[in-house]
Protein backbone atom coordinates (compact mmCIF):
# COMPACT_ATOMS: atom_id res chain seq x y z
CA UNK A 1 132.97 -201.41 134.70
CA UNK A 2 129.24 -202.01 135.29
CA UNK A 3 126.69 -199.16 135.24
CA UNK A 4 122.93 -199.39 135.99
CA UNK A 5 121.25 -196.22 134.76
CA UNK A 6 117.57 -195.55 135.51
CA UNK A 7 116.78 -199.23 135.67
CA UNK A 8 113.33 -200.65 136.40
CA UNK A 9 113.03 -204.39 137.02
CA UNK A 10 109.81 -206.42 137.20
CA UNK A 11 109.35 -209.97 138.14
CA UNK A 12 105.95 -211.83 138.19
CA UNK A 13 104.22 -208.41 137.85
CA UNK A 14 106.00 -207.16 140.91
CA UNK A 15 108.25 -204.10 140.77
CA UNK A 16 111.57 -205.03 142.34
CA UNK A 17 113.56 -201.97 141.29
CA UNK A 18 112.34 -198.66 140.00
CA UNK A 19 114.33 -195.94 138.27
CA UNK A 20 117.52 -196.61 140.27
CA UNK A 21 121.22 -196.26 139.49
CA UNK A 22 124.57 -197.76 140.48
CA UNK A 23 128.05 -197.49 139.10
CA UNK A 24 130.68 -200.12 139.77
CA UNK A 25 134.28 -199.24 139.07
CA UNK A 26 137.05 -201.64 137.88
CA UNK A 27 138.28 -203.63 140.79
CA UNK A 28 135.33 -202.89 143.14
CA UNK A 29 134.14 -205.70 145.40
CA UNK A 30 130.39 -205.07 145.75
CA UNK A 31 127.94 -207.14 147.76
CA UNK A 32 124.10 -206.78 147.47
CA UNK A 33 121.93 -207.33 150.54
CA UNK A 34 118.36 -206.90 151.45
CA UNK A 35 115.32 -209.08 152.31
CA UNK A 36 114.44 -212.32 150.35
CA UNK A 37 112.63 -211.54 147.12
CA UNK A 38 113.82 -207.95 146.81
CA UNK A 39 115.65 -208.61 143.53
CA UNK A 40 119.27 -209.26 144.38
CA UNK A 41 119.63 -212.41 142.27
CA UNK A 42 117.47 -211.02 139.56
CA UNK A 43 119.79 -208.01 139.22
CA UNK A 44 122.83 -210.18 138.63
CA UNK A 45 120.87 -212.09 135.97
CA UNK A 46 119.92 -208.75 134.25
CA UNK A 47 123.66 -208.03 133.64
CA UNK A 48 123.93 -211.09 131.46
CA UNK A 49 120.70 -210.49 129.81
CA UNK A 50 118.82 -213.47 131.34
CA UNK A 51 116.06 -211.19 132.75
CA UNK A 52 115.09 -208.15 130.65
CA UNK A 53 114.73 -204.72 132.16
CA UNK A 54 111.45 -202.93 132.02
CA UNK A 55 113.30 -199.63 131.60
CA UNK A 56 116.78 -198.15 131.81
CA UNK A 57 120.17 -199.33 130.55
CA UNK A 58 123.04 -201.45 131.69
CA UNK A 59 126.60 -200.89 130.49
CA UNK A 60 129.35 -203.45 130.96
CA UNK A 61 132.97 -202.55 130.12
CA UNK A 62 131.83 -199.72 127.91
CA UNK A 63 129.09 -201.74 126.10
CA UNK A 64 125.41 -201.05 126.40
CA UNK A 65 123.55 -204.28 126.97
CA UNK A 66 121.33 -205.09 123.95
CA UNK A 67 120.47 -207.92 121.59
CA UNK A 68 123.46 -206.93 119.46
CA UNK A 69 125.99 -206.84 122.34
CA UNK A 70 124.70 -209.57 124.62
CA UNK A 71 127.05 -212.32 123.28
CA UNK A 72 130.18 -210.12 123.65
CA UNK A 73 129.06 -208.98 127.16
CA UNK A 74 128.55 -212.58 128.22
CA UNK A 75 132.02 -213.45 126.95
CA UNK A 76 133.45 -210.89 129.36
CA UNK A 77 131.57 -211.95 132.42
CA UNK A 78 131.78 -215.01 134.73
CA UNK A 79 128.44 -215.82 136.25
CA UNK A 80 128.41 -218.33 139.10
CA UNK A 81 125.16 -219.28 140.80
CA UNK A 82 124.42 -220.85 144.13
CA UNK A 83 123.88 -224.27 142.63
CA UNK A 84 126.05 -224.29 139.50
CA UNK A 85 125.27 -226.77 136.74
CA UNK A 86 128.56 -228.34 135.65
CA UNK A 87 127.27 -229.51 132.23
CA UNK A 88 129.24 -232.70 131.88
CA UNK A 89 129.14 -236.26 133.44
CA UNK A 90 132.90 -236.18 134.68
CA UNK A 91 134.39 -233.28 136.70
CA UNK A 92 137.34 -232.95 134.40
CA UNK A 93 135.13 -232.57 131.38
CA UNK A 94 132.96 -230.02 133.19
CA UNK A 95 135.92 -228.06 134.21
CA UNK A 96 137.34 -227.90 130.68
CA UNK A 97 134.00 -227.66 128.93
CA UNK A 98 134.36 -223.96 127.83
CA UNK A 99 137.62 -224.87 126.06
CA UNK A 100 135.82 -227.27 123.73
CA UNK A 101 134.19 -224.29 122.12
CA UNK A 102 135.85 -222.30 119.33
CA UNK A 103 135.96 -219.07 121.36
CA UNK A 104 138.22 -220.49 123.99
CA UNK A 105 140.02 -223.39 122.33
CA UNK A 106 143.18 -221.46 121.93
CA UNK A 107 143.23 -220.82 125.70
CA UNK A 108 143.35 -224.46 126.82
CA UNK A 109 144.92 -224.46 130.23
CA UNK A 110 147.91 -226.70 131.07
CA UNK A 111 147.57 -229.61 133.42
CA UNK A 112 150.02 -227.76 135.69
CA UNK A 113 147.82 -224.73 135.86
CA UNK A 114 144.67 -226.75 136.46
CA UNK A 115 146.38 -228.73 139.28
CA UNK A 116 147.78 -225.52 140.87
CA UNK A 117 144.31 -223.85 140.86
CA UNK A 118 142.63 -226.96 142.40
CA UNK A 119 145.20 -226.91 145.11
CA UNK A 120 144.55 -223.29 145.88
CA UNK A 121 140.84 -223.94 146.04
CA UNK A 122 141.34 -226.80 148.49
CA UNK A 123 140.28 -229.45 145.97
CA UNK A 124 142.01 -232.78 145.60
CA UNK A 125 143.65 -233.84 142.36
CA UNK A 126 141.49 -237.00 142.06
CA UNK A 127 138.24 -235.00 141.96
CA UNK A 128 138.70 -234.72 138.19
CA UNK A 129 138.03 -238.38 137.73
CA UNK A 130 134.81 -238.32 139.72
CA UNK A 131 131.31 -238.18 138.30
CA UNK A 132 129.90 -234.66 138.57
CA UNK A 133 126.67 -236.09 140.13
CA UNK A 134 128.73 -237.46 143.04
CA UNK A 135 130.59 -234.43 144.33
CA UNK A 136 129.27 -232.25 147.04
CA UNK A 137 127.56 -228.86 146.67
CA UNK A 138 130.72 -227.14 148.02
CA UNK A 139 132.85 -228.90 145.53
CA UNK A 140 130.58 -227.99 142.60
CA UNK A 141 130.81 -224.33 143.75
CA UNK A 142 134.64 -224.37 143.67
CA UNK A 143 134.78 -226.21 140.40
CA UNK A 144 132.56 -223.49 138.97
CA UNK A 145 134.88 -220.82 140.40
CA UNK A 146 137.89 -222.70 138.98
CA UNK A 147 136.30 -222.91 135.52
CA UNK A 148 135.74 -219.12 135.57
CA UNK A 149 139.19 -218.31 136.72
CA UNK A 150 140.75 -220.48 134.05
CA UNK A 151 138.86 -218.44 131.42
CA UNK A 152 140.82 -215.36 132.72
CA UNK A 153 137.64 -213.38 133.32
CA UNK A 154 137.87 -210.00 135.00
CA UNK A 155 134.23 -209.50 135.83
CA UNK A 156 132.51 -211.88 138.20
CA UNK A 157 128.88 -212.19 139.23
CA UNK A 158 128.62 -214.46 142.19
CA UNK A 159 125.30 -215.47 143.82
CA UNK A 160 125.67 -217.07 147.29
CA UNK A 161 128.67 -219.12 146.20
CA UNK A 162 129.99 -219.76 149.76
CA UNK A 163 126.65 -221.20 150.99
CA UNK A 164 127.93 -224.76 150.95
CA UNK A 165 131.55 -224.15 151.97
CA UNK A 166 133.47 -224.85 155.10
CA UNK A 167 135.54 -221.97 156.56
CA UNK A 168 138.85 -223.07 154.95
CA UNK A 169 137.30 -223.48 151.46
CA UNK A 170 135.46 -220.22 151.90
CA UNK A 171 138.71 -218.39 152.72
CA UNK A 172 140.32 -220.00 149.54
CA UNK A 173 137.44 -218.71 147.30
CA UNK A 174 137.57 -215.24 148.87
CA UNK A 175 141.30 -215.06 148.29
CA UNK A 176 140.86 -215.88 144.58
CA UNK A 177 137.91 -213.57 143.85
CA UNK A 178 138.95 -210.59 145.90
CA UNK A 179 142.10 -209.98 143.89
CA UNK A 180 142.69 -206.33 142.84
CA UNK A 181 142.23 -207.18 139.14
CA UNK A 182 138.76 -208.63 139.51
CA UNK A 183 135.52 -206.67 139.45
CA UNK A 184 133.08 -208.46 141.70
CA UNK A 185 129.34 -207.98 141.97
CA UNK A 186 127.88 -210.50 144.43
CA UNK A 187 124.94 -211.61 146.57
CA UNK A 188 125.77 -213.04 149.95
CA UNK A 189 124.39 -213.53 153.44
CA UNK A 190 127.90 -214.82 154.58
CA UNK A 191 129.19 -212.25 157.23
CA UNK A 192 132.83 -212.99 156.32
CA UNK A 193 132.12 -212.29 152.64
CA UNK A 194 130.17 -209.17 153.48
CA UNK A 195 132.91 -207.84 155.74
CA UNK A 196 135.47 -208.47 153.02
CA UNK A 197 133.62 -206.42 150.46
CA UNK A 198 134.56 -202.80 150.03
CA UNK A 199 131.09 -201.70 148.93
CA UNK A 200 127.77 -202.73 150.40
CA UNK A 201 124.54 -202.03 148.43
CA UNK A 202 121.12 -202.47 150.04
CA UNK A 203 117.96 -202.88 147.98
CA UNK A 204 115.54 -200.77 149.89
CA UNK A 205 112.16 -199.25 148.69
CA UNK A 206 112.95 -200.40 145.12
CA UNK A 207 116.33 -198.50 145.09
CA UNK A 208 120.00 -199.39 145.15
CA UNK A 209 121.37 -197.64 148.18
CA UNK A 210 124.98 -197.75 149.25
CA UNK A 211 125.43 -198.35 153.03
CA UNK A 212 128.32 -197.49 155.20
CA UNK A 213 130.91 -200.15 155.93
C-alpha cells in the first residue's frame, strides 16, 4: 500500500534518511520509533508531498508520488497531526468541512452516522455546538480522527495522536484505527499504541529497520 524505495530525506541541511527502503502492505499497522529529530514525523509528511525527497521514490496505492499524482494521493490518505487544525470556528463546521468541497459533497454523512461515531470516540453530542477554540487538545485529536473516518479513508498517517488522551479515549481511537481494513503508518511514544502495532520500524543510522515485536 505504501512503498519507500531508495529514499533520502534531508531537513535543514541534515541527512535524516539515506537510501533506505520500506514496504507497507494493505492492513499493516506500522509504528515508527527512534530518537527525537531522527525524521519520524518528516517521513509521514513525505508521503503526502509536504516535504520533498532528496532522492528515491514513494508509491501509494500503486501511484508514484509526483507533481502529477500528489492531488490523487492526498485524496486517498488521512493525515492526522499531533495538534490538528480544525479549520472552522464551530466544531460541527470543522467536522463537516471536507464535505463542503466538490470532491466529497456527495458523501455527506447522516446525522445518525455522525452521532454514532462521536459516541464510539467518547465525545458528547453537544461538542458540535462548541467553538473549536474552546475544546481540549484531546477532543481536537478525536474530532480530527472522526473527520477522517467519515471520509472513509483506508490509509491513515497518524503523528502522536494519543498524546492528549486519557486511557478510555485512547482505547476508543485504537479500536477505530486498528481495524483490519485500515493501513496505518504512525509515530508514537505511547507504549499501549506501540504494543498494539503489528510492525515496529526504528530509524537508526539513517535507515528504516524493522525490529522484533
